[in-house]
């Protein structure tokens, strides 16, 4: 959308972190990201012994885990969700919110309305 990915409001950007992406996904963290991770763990789609690598005091997805997560994420984003505008894929909802944020940045008199689960 032509915005600087390193300039954000909620997160601090670095040369390795495009903070605007973190800002824009924040309102979708619980309904999309957290719920997907919970689903994958509860349904045992990911396995702690085979899909993760433990290094430098952290736990990270390995190639197998990333493939499983990304496949599930893409499927989740294609699912339709009911909005004020009718049913639309979650990708479209995310793009709509990015455009609304951009409009707010260039015209702050128009308030930004974040996505709300209910």
N, C-alpha and C. Protein backbone atom coordinates (compact mmCIF):
# COMPACT_ATOMS: atom_id res chain seq x y z
N UNK A 1 0.81 -1.21 0.00
CA UNK A 1 0.00 0.00 0.00
C UNK A 1 0.85 1.27 0.00
N UNK A 2 2.16 1.13 -0.13
CA UNK A 2 3.01 2.29 -0.22
C UNK A 2 3.42 2.91 1.10
N UNK A 3 3.14 2.25 2.21
CA UNK A 3 3.54 2.76 3.52
C UNK A 3 4.94 2.26 3.87
N UNK A 4 5.64 2.99 4.71
CA UNK A 4 6.97 2.58 5.16
C UNK A 4 6.82 1.44 6.17
N UNK A 5 7.28 0.24 5.85
CA UNK A 5 7.07 -0.90 6.74
C UNK A 5 7.83 -0.82 8.06
N UNK A 6 8.78 0.12 8.16
CA UNK A 6 9.57 0.24 9.38
C UNK A 6 9.05 1.33 10.32
N UNK A 7 8.10 2.14 9.87
CA UNK A 7 7.50 3.18 10.71
C UNK A 7 6.17 2.67 11.23
N UNK A 8 6.06 2.61 12.55
CA UNK A 8 4.85 2.04 13.15
C UNK A 8 4.45 2.84 14.39
N UNK A 9 3.32 2.49 14.95
CA UNK A 9 2.81 3.18 16.14
C UNK A 9 2.99 2.35 17.41
N UNK A 10 2.84 1.04 17.31
CA UNK A 10 2.86 0.17 18.49
C UNK A 10 4.18 -0.56 18.69
N UNK A 11 4.87 -0.88 17.61
CA UNK A 11 6.11 -1.65 17.67
C UNK A 11 7.27 -0.81 17.15
N UNK A 12 8.45 -1.09 17.65
CA UNK A 12 9.65 -0.38 17.22
C UNK A 12 10.33 -1.18 16.11
N UNK A 13 10.61 -0.51 15.01
CA UNK A 13 11.26 -1.17 13.89
C UNK A 13 12.77 -1.21 14.04
N UNK A 14 13.38 -2.20 13.42
CA UNK A 14 14.83 -2.30 13.33
C UNK A 14 15.14 -2.69 11.90
N UNK A 15 16.43 -2.81 11.58
CA UNK A 15 16.77 -3.20 10.20
C UNK A 15 16.29 -4.61 9.87
N UNK A 16 15.98 -5.41 10.90
CA UNK A 16 15.50 -6.77 10.68
C UNK A 16 14.03 -6.94 10.99
N UNK A 17 13.36 -5.89 11.43
CA UNK A 17 11.95 -6.01 11.81
C UNK A 17 11.13 -4.88 11.21
N UNK A 18 10.25 -5.24 10.29
CA UNK A 18 9.32 -4.26 9.71
C UNK A 18 8.15 -4.11 10.68
N UNK A 19 8.24 -3.14 11.56
CA UNK A 19 7.31 -2.99 12.68
C UNK A 19 5.88 -2.72 12.24
N UNK A 20 5.67 -2.09 11.09
CA UNK A 20 4.30 -1.82 10.65
C UNK A 20 3.52 -3.10 10.45
N UNK A 21 4.17 -4.15 9.95
CA UNK A 21 3.50 -5.44 9.79
C UNK A 21 3.01 -5.96 11.14
N UNK A 22 3.84 -5.80 12.17
CA UNK A 22 3.42 -6.22 13.52
C UNK A 22 2.25 -5.38 14.01
N UNK A 23 2.28 -4.08 13.76
CA UNK A 23 1.17 -3.21 14.16
C UNK A 23 -0.13 -3.65 13.48
N UNK A 24 -0.06 -3.87 12.17
CA UNK A 24 -1.27 -4.15 11.41
C UNK A 24 -1.86 -5.52 11.73
N UNK A 25 -1.02 -6.49 12.09
CA UNK A 25 -1.53 -7.82 12.40
C UNK A 25 -2.06 -7.90 13.84
N UNK A 26 -1.71 -6.92 14.67
CA UNK A 26 -2.05 -6.97 16.09
C UNK A 26 -3.55 -7.19 16.33
N UNK A 27 -4.39 -6.49 15.61
CA UNK A 27 -5.83 -6.63 15.85
C UNK A 27 -6.37 -7.99 15.37
N UNK A 28 -5.55 -8.72 14.60
CA UNK A 28 -5.96 -10.04 14.12
C UNK A 28 -5.26 -11.17 14.86
N UNK A 29 -4.41 -10.81 15.83
CA UNK A 29 -3.62 -11.83 16.54
C UNK A 29 -4.52 -12.89 17.18
N UNK A 30 -5.47 -12.51 17.98
CA UNK A 30 -6.32 -13.49 18.67
C UNK A 30 -7.24 -14.25 17.70
N UNK A 31 -8.00 -13.55 16.84
CA UNK A 31 -8.95 -14.30 16.00
C UNK A 31 -8.31 -15.14 14.90
N UNK A 32 -7.10 -14.83 14.47
CA UNK A 32 -6.50 -15.60 13.38
C UNK A 32 -5.28 -16.38 13.86
N UNK A 33 -4.27 -15.70 14.36
CA UNK A 33 -3.00 -16.34 14.68
C UNK A 33 -3.11 -17.21 15.93
N UNK A 34 -3.52 -16.64 17.05
CA UNK A 34 -3.59 -17.41 18.29
C UNK A 34 -4.55 -18.58 18.18
N UNK A 35 -5.70 -18.36 17.56
CA UNK A 35 -6.66 -19.46 17.43
C UNK A 35 -6.13 -20.57 16.52
N UNK A 36 -5.35 -20.21 15.51
CA UNK A 36 -4.76 -21.22 14.62
C UNK A 36 -3.71 -22.04 15.37
N UNK A 37 -2.85 -21.39 16.13
CA UNK A 37 -1.83 -22.11 16.90
C UNK A 37 -2.49 -23.05 17.91
N UNK A 38 -3.51 -22.56 18.61
CA UNK A 38 -4.23 -23.39 19.58
C UNK A 38 -4.85 -24.60 18.89
N UNK A 39 -5.46 -24.38 17.74
CA UNK A 39 -6.07 -25.47 16.96
C UNK A 39 -5.02 -26.51 16.57
N UNK A 40 -3.88 -26.06 16.05
CA UNK A 40 -2.83 -26.99 15.61
C UNK A 40 -2.27 -27.81 16.77
N UNK A 41 -2.12 -27.19 17.92
CA UNK A 41 -1.60 -27.90 19.09
C UNK A 41 -2.65 -28.86 19.63
N UNK A 42 -3.88 -28.40 19.81
CA UNK A 42 -4.93 -29.25 20.38
C UNK A 42 -5.27 -30.45 19.50
N UNK A 43 -5.18 -30.29 18.20
CA UNK A 43 -5.48 -31.39 17.26
C UNK A 43 -4.24 -32.23 16.95
N UNK A 44 -3.13 -31.86 17.58
CA UNK A 44 -1.87 -32.58 17.42
C UNK A 44 -1.37 -32.62 15.97
N UNK A 45 -1.60 -31.52 15.25
CA UNK A 45 -1.06 -31.40 13.89
C UNK A 45 0.44 -31.13 13.93
N UNK A 46 0.89 -30.48 15.01
CA UNK A 46 2.31 -30.25 15.18
C UNK A 46 2.79 -31.12 16.35
N UNK A 47 4.03 -31.56 16.24
CA UNK A 47 4.59 -32.47 17.22
C UNK A 47 5.86 -31.86 17.82
N UNK A 48 5.91 -31.77 19.15
CA UNK A 48 7.04 -31.12 19.81
C UNK A 48 8.37 -31.80 19.48
N UNK A 49 8.35 -33.09 19.26
CA UNK A 49 9.59 -33.81 18.98
C UNK A 49 10.05 -33.72 17.55
N UNK A 50 9.13 -33.54 16.61
CA UNK A 50 9.48 -33.57 15.19
C UNK A 50 9.39 -32.24 14.46
N UNK A 51 8.65 -31.29 15.00
CA UNK A 51 8.39 -30.05 14.26
C UNK A 51 9.07 -28.82 14.83
N UNK A 52 9.91 -29.01 15.84
CA UNK A 52 10.58 -27.89 16.48
C UNK A 52 12.06 -28.17 16.65
N UNK A 53 12.83 -27.11 16.73
CA UNK A 53 14.24 -27.20 17.06
C UNK A 53 14.47 -26.27 18.26
N UNK A 54 15.28 -26.72 19.18
CA UNK A 54 15.56 -25.96 20.39
C UNK A 54 17.00 -25.49 20.33
N UNK A 55 17.20 -24.16 20.31
CA UNK A 55 18.56 -23.62 20.26
C UNK A 55 18.58 -22.22 20.86
N UNK A 56 19.74 -21.85 21.39
CA UNK A 56 19.95 -20.52 21.96
C UNK A 56 18.87 -20.14 22.97
N UNK A 57 18.40 -21.11 23.74
CA UNK A 57 17.39 -20.86 24.75
C UNK A 57 15.99 -20.66 24.21
N UNK A 58 15.78 -20.93 22.91
CA UNK A 58 14.46 -20.75 22.31
C UNK A 58 13.94 -22.01 21.65
N UNK A 59 12.71 -21.97 21.26
CA UNK A 59 12.04 -23.07 20.58
C UNK A 59 11.50 -22.51 19.27
N UNK A 60 11.92 -23.12 18.15
CA UNK A 60 11.58 -22.59 16.83
C UNK A 60 11.02 -23.70 15.95
N UNK A 61 10.10 -23.34 15.04
CA UNK A 61 9.62 -24.31 14.06
C UNK A 61 10.77 -24.71 13.14
N UNK A 62 10.87 -25.99 12.85
CA UNK A 62 11.84 -26.43 11.85
C UNK A 62 11.13 -26.46 10.49
N UNK A 63 11.78 -26.97 9.46
CA UNK A 63 11.17 -26.98 8.12
C UNK A 63 9.84 -27.71 8.10
N UNK A 64 9.77 -28.85 8.76
CA UNK A 64 8.53 -29.62 8.81
C UNK A 64 7.42 -28.83 9.50
N UNK A 65 7.74 -28.23 10.64
CA UNK A 65 6.76 -27.44 11.39
C UNK A 65 6.30 -26.22 10.61
N UNK A 66 7.25 -25.54 9.93
CA UNK A 66 6.88 -24.37 9.12
C UNK A 66 5.93 -24.75 7.98
N UNK A 67 6.21 -25.87 7.33
CA UNK A 67 5.32 -26.32 6.24
C UNK A 67 3.91 -26.55 6.76
N UNK A 68 3.80 -27.23 7.89
CA UNK A 68 2.48 -27.51 8.48
C UNK A 68 1.76 -26.21 8.87
N UNK A 69 2.51 -25.32 9.52
CA UNK A 69 1.91 -24.06 9.96
C UNK A 69 1.46 -23.22 8.77
N UNK A 70 2.34 -23.05 7.79
CA UNK A 70 2.01 -22.20 6.64
C UNK A 70 0.84 -22.77 5.83
N UNK A 71 0.79 -24.08 5.68
CA UNK A 71 -0.35 -24.71 4.97
C UNK A 71 -1.65 -24.40 5.72
N UNK A 72 -1.64 -24.59 7.03
CA UNK A 72 -2.84 -24.31 7.83
C UNK A 72 -3.19 -22.82 7.82
N UNK A 73 -2.18 -21.96 7.86
CA UNK A 73 -2.41 -20.51 7.83
C UNK A 73 -3.07 -20.10 6.52
N UNK A 74 -2.56 -20.59 5.39
CA UNK A 74 -3.15 -20.24 4.10
C UNK A 74 -4.58 -20.73 4.00
N UNK A 75 -4.85 -21.92 4.49
CA UNK A 75 -6.23 -22.43 4.50
C UNK A 75 -7.12 -21.55 5.36
N UNK A 76 -6.63 -21.14 6.52
CA UNK A 76 -7.40 -20.29 7.43
C UNK A 76 -7.72 -18.94 6.80
N UNK A 77 -6.76 -18.38 6.06
CA UNK A 77 -6.96 -17.07 5.45
C UNK A 77 -7.93 -17.12 4.27
N UNK A 78 -8.12 -18.29 3.68
CA UNK A 78 -9.09 -18.44 2.59
C UNK A 78 -10.51 -18.60 3.11
N UNK A 79 -10.67 -18.96 4.38
CA UNK A 79 -12.00 -19.11 4.97
C UNK A 79 -12.74 -17.78 4.92
N UNK A 80 -14.04 -17.85 4.69
CA UNK A 80 -14.84 -16.63 4.65
C UNK A 80 -15.32 -16.28 6.05
N UNK A 81 -15.42 -14.99 6.27
CA UNK A 81 -15.87 -14.47 7.56
C UNK A 81 -16.99 -13.46 7.30
N UNK A 82 -17.96 -13.43 8.17
CA UNK A 82 -19.07 -12.49 8.05
C UNK A 82 -18.65 -11.14 8.59
N UNK A 83 -18.78 -10.10 7.78
CA UNK A 83 -18.45 -8.74 8.19
C UNK A 83 -19.63 -7.83 7.89
N UNK A 84 -19.48 -6.55 8.20
CA UNK A 84 -20.52 -5.58 7.88
C UNK A 84 -20.77 -5.51 6.38
N UNK A 85 -19.73 -5.85 5.59
CA UNK A 85 -19.82 -5.81 4.13
C UNK A 85 -20.30 -7.12 3.54
N UNK A 86 -20.64 -8.10 4.37
CA UNK A 86 -21.03 -9.42 3.90
C UNK A 86 -19.90 -10.41 4.12
N UNK A 87 -20.02 -11.58 3.50
CA UNK A 87 -18.97 -12.60 3.65
C UNK A 87 -17.79 -12.28 2.75
N UNK A 88 -16.60 -12.49 3.30
CA UNK A 88 -15.38 -12.27 2.52
C UNK A 88 -14.26 -13.10 3.12
N UNK A 89 -13.28 -13.50 2.28
CA UNK A 89 -12.12 -14.23 2.82
C UNK A 89 -11.36 -13.35 3.81
N UNK A 90 -10.69 -13.99 4.74
CA UNK A 90 -9.93 -13.24 5.75
C UNK A 90 -8.83 -12.40 5.11
N UNK A 91 -8.28 -12.85 3.96
CA UNK A 91 -7.29 -12.04 3.24
C UNK A 91 -7.87 -10.67 2.90
N UNK A 92 -9.11 -10.68 2.39
CA UNK A 92 -9.75 -9.44 1.98
C UNK A 92 -9.99 -8.52 3.18
N UNK A 93 -10.37 -9.11 4.30
CA UNK A 93 -10.58 -8.32 5.51
C UNK A 93 -9.29 -7.65 5.94
N UNK A 94 -8.19 -8.39 5.90
CA UNK A 94 -6.89 -7.84 6.27
C UNK A 94 -6.51 -6.69 5.33
N UNK A 95 -6.69 -6.89 4.03
CA UNK A 95 -6.39 -5.82 3.06
C UNK A 95 -7.27 -4.59 3.28
N UNK A 96 -8.51 -4.82 3.59
CA UNK A 96 -9.45 -3.72 3.85
C UNK A 96 -8.98 -2.89 5.05
N UNK A 97 -8.51 -3.56 6.10
CA UNK A 97 -8.04 -2.85 7.29
C UNK A 97 -6.75 -2.09 6.99
N UNK A 98 -5.88 -2.64 6.16
CA UNK A 98 -4.64 -1.95 5.79
C UNK A 98 -4.98 -0.67 5.02
N UNK A 99 -5.93 -0.75 4.12
CA UNK A 99 -6.35 0.44 3.37
C UNK A 99 -6.96 1.48 4.30
N UNK A 100 -7.74 1.04 5.29
CA UNK A 100 -8.34 1.98 6.25
C UNK A 100 -7.25 2.65 7.09
N UNK A 101 -6.23 1.88 7.47
CA UNK A 101 -5.11 2.45 8.22
C UNK A 101 -4.38 3.48 7.37
N UNK A 102 -4.14 3.16 6.11
CA UNK A 102 -3.45 4.09 5.21
C UNK A 102 -4.25 5.38 5.07
N UNK A 103 -5.56 5.26 4.94
CA UNK A 103 -6.40 6.44 4.83
C UNK A 103 -6.28 7.29 6.10
N UNK A 104 -6.23 6.63 7.25
CA UNK A 104 -6.07 7.36 8.51
C UNK A 104 -4.72 8.08 8.57
N UNK A 105 -3.64 7.42 8.11
CA UNK A 105 -2.31 8.04 8.14
C UNK A 105 -2.29 9.31 7.31
N UNK A 106 -2.91 9.27 6.15
CA UNK A 106 -2.89 10.44 5.26
C UNK A 106 -3.99 11.45 5.57
N UNK A 107 -4.99 11.04 6.33
CA UNK A 107 -6.08 11.94 6.69
C UNK A 107 -6.52 11.62 8.12
N UNK A 108 -5.78 12.07 9.13
CA UNK A 108 -6.06 11.70 10.52
C UNK A 108 -7.40 12.19 11.05
N UNK A 109 -8.09 13.06 10.32
CA UNK A 109 -9.41 13.48 10.80
C UNK A 109 -10.42 12.34 10.64
N UNK A 110 -10.13 11.40 9.74
CA UNK A 110 -10.97 10.21 9.58
C UNK A 110 -10.45 9.15 10.54
N UNK A 111 -11.19 8.83 11.59
CA UNK A 111 -10.73 7.90 12.60
C UNK A 111 -10.57 6.49 12.03
N UNK A 112 -9.60 5.76 12.55
CA UNK A 112 -9.38 4.38 12.17
C UNK A 112 -10.26 3.49 13.04
N UNK A 113 -11.02 2.62 12.41
CA UNK A 113 -11.89 1.70 13.15
C UNK A 113 -11.27 0.30 13.06
N UNK A 114 -10.71 -0.19 14.18
CA UNK A 114 -10.08 -1.51 14.15
C UNK A 114 -11.11 -2.63 14.00
N UNK A 115 -10.65 -3.75 13.50
CA UNK A 115 -11.50 -4.92 13.39
C UNK A 115 -11.80 -5.44 14.79
N UNK A 116 -13.06 -5.75 15.04
CA UNK A 116 -13.46 -6.32 16.33
C UNK A 116 -14.08 -7.68 16.08
N UNK A 117 -13.71 -8.65 16.91
CA UNK A 117 -14.20 -10.01 16.75
C UNK A 117 -15.72 -10.05 16.79
N UNK A 118 -16.29 -9.36 17.73
CA UNK A 118 -17.77 -9.34 17.85
C UNK A 118 -18.23 -7.92 17.90
